[in-house]
């Protein structure tokens, strides 16, 4: 069966190497960068942390708002926030007696939103 007939390329064909392809290989970032990216992805790997990032993508939140939205205990939310803070994903800003948490930037929210969308497609 040809690609035109089936409408898709088989896995073997899609990954076959063309010996005449002169497209340069993508540059490989330094090992330190790859390690930092791996650490960041590990910090995002827990379902509760994914849910926190999704909540903070909408707007900044304090711990009790996250507890209410996610139905998880306050100590567990605080533990996950510590992991996300250590990874540079979120930052907290004191506002009176509360600490408001927000995402450091939207890049990570896009990764999480895309991962959730991909999982929902499956």
Protein backbone atom coordinates (compact mmCIF):
# COMPACT_ATOMS: atom_id res chain seq x y z
CA UNK A 1 0.00 0.00 0.00
CA UNK A 2 1.35 3.42 -0.88
CA UNK A 3 1.27 6.49 1.37
CA UNK A 4 -1.18 8.17 -1.01
CA UNK A 5 -3.56 5.21 -0.72
CA UNK A 6 -3.47 4.83 3.07
CA UNK A 7 -3.23 8.52 3.97
CA UNK A 8 -0.42 7.95 6.46
CA UNK A 9 3.19 6.91 6.65
CA UNK A 10 4.04 3.69 8.48
CA UNK A 11 6.30 3.91 11.53
CA UNK A 12 9.22 2.32 9.70
CA UNK A 13 8.86 4.75 6.81
CA UNK A 14 8.41 7.78 9.06
CA UNK A 15 11.70 7.11 10.84
CA UNK A 16 13.75 5.87 7.87
CA UNK A 17 16.96 7.85 7.43
CA UNK A 18 17.49 9.46 4.04
CA UNK A 19 21.24 9.21 3.30
CA UNK A 20 20.95 12.21 0.96
CA UNK A 21 19.22 14.46 3.49
CA UNK A 22 21.50 17.43 4.12
CA UNK A 23 19.39 18.98 6.87
CA UNK A 24 21.75 19.68 9.76
CA UNK A 25 21.03 17.85 13.00
CA UNK A 26 19.47 19.92 15.76
CA UNK A 27 22.16 21.23 18.10
CA UNK A 28 22.33 19.38 21.41
CA UNK A 29 22.19 21.74 24.40
CA UNK A 30 24.91 21.48 27.05
CA UNK A 31 24.55 18.66 29.59
CA UNK A 32 23.77 21.17 32.37
CA UNK A 33 20.82 22.51 30.37
CA UNK A 34 19.49 19.01 29.71
CA UNK A 35 19.86 18.15 33.41
CA UNK A 36 18.00 21.31 34.42
CA UNK A 37 15.22 20.53 31.94
CA UNK A 38 14.95 17.00 33.34
CA UNK A 39 14.75 18.36 36.90
CA UNK A 40 12.02 20.75 35.82
CA UNK A 41 9.99 18.01 34.15
CA UNK A 42 10.36 15.80 37.25
CA UNK A 43 9.03 18.67 39.38
CA UNK A 44 5.97 18.80 37.13
CA UNK A 45 5.46 15.03 37.11
CA UNK A 46 3.04 14.68 40.06
CA UNK A 47 -0.70 14.96 39.29
CA UNK A 48 -1.27 17.39 42.18
CA UNK A 49 1.54 19.65 40.93
CA UNK A 50 0.05 19.58 37.43
CA UNK A 51 -3.29 20.61 38.94
CA UNK A 52 -1.59 23.43 40.90
CA UNK A 53 0.07 24.74 37.73
CA UNK A 54 -3.28 24.67 35.92
CA UNK A 55 -4.89 26.60 38.79
CA UNK A 56 -2.09 29.18 38.85
CA UNK A 57 -2.28 29.51 35.08
CA UNK A 58 -5.74 31.04 35.56
CA UNK A 59 -4.66 33.43 38.34
CA UNK A 60 -2.56 33.73 41.45
CA UNK A 61 -3.89 31.79 44.43
CA UNK A 62 -3.22 31.33 48.13
CA UNK A 63 -2.91 27.92 49.76
CA UNK A 64 -6.48 27.77 51.07
CA UNK A 65 -7.84 28.51 47.58
CA UNK A 66 -5.78 25.64 46.17
CA UNK A 67 -6.99 23.36 48.98
CA UNK A 68 -10.60 24.23 48.13
CA UNK A 69 -10.16 23.91 44.38
CA UNK A 70 -8.22 20.64 44.44
CA UNK A 71 -9.73 18.92 47.46
CA UNK A 72 -6.28 18.15 48.88
CA UNK A 73 -5.10 18.81 52.43
CA UNK A 74 -3.23 22.01 53.27
CA UNK A 75 0.00 20.18 54.28
CA UNK A 76 0.03 18.30 50.98
CA UNK A 77 -0.55 21.49 48.95
CA UNK A 78 2.25 23.21 50.89
CA UNK A 79 4.60 20.27 50.25
CA UNK A 80 3.90 20.36 46.50
CA UNK A 81 4.30 24.15 46.41
CA UNK A 82 7.74 23.76 48.04
CA UNK A 83 8.78 21.38 45.25
CA UNK A 84 7.46 23.78 42.59
CA UNK A 85 9.21 26.73 44.26
CA UNK A 86 12.52 24.86 44.48
CA UNK A 87 12.24 24.05 40.76
CA UNK A 88 11.59 27.70 39.89
CA UNK A 89 8.05 27.01 38.66
CA UNK A 90 6.18 29.17 41.18
CA UNK A 91 6.95 32.01 43.51
CA UNK A 92 5.14 33.22 46.57
CA UNK A 93 4.50 36.81 47.58
CA UNK A 94 3.32 37.66 51.06
CA UNK A 95 0.11 39.68 51.21
CA UNK A 96 -0.70 40.29 54.87
CA UNK A 97 -1.12 36.90 56.54
CA UNK A 98 -1.41 35.03 53.23
CA UNK A 99 1.11 34.07 50.60
CA UNK A 100 -0.12 34.43 47.03
CA UNK A 101 1.44 31.96 44.63
CA UNK A 102 1.88 32.58 40.92
CA UNK A 103 3.73 30.99 38.05
CA UNK A 104 7.19 32.34 37.35
CA UNK A 105 6.34 32.43 33.62
CA UNK A 106 3.81 31.01 31.17
CA UNK A 107 6.23 28.64 29.39
CA UNK A 108 5.63 25.94 31.95
CA UNK A 109 1.88 26.41 31.89
CA UNK A 110 1.95 25.76 28.15
CA UNK A 111 3.86 22.51 28.69
CA UNK A 112 1.31 21.37 31.30
CA UNK A 113 -1.74 22.49 29.26
CA UNK A 114 -0.37 20.72 26.17
CA UNK A 115 0.39 17.54 28.16
CA UNK A 116 -3.15 17.49 29.60
CA UNK A 117 -4.66 18.08 26.15
CA UNK A 118 -2.53 15.27 24.72
CA UNK A 119 -3.63 12.91 27.51
CA UNK A 120 -7.29 13.76 26.89
CA UNK A 121 -6.91 12.91 23.19
CA UNK A 122 -5.69 9.40 24.01
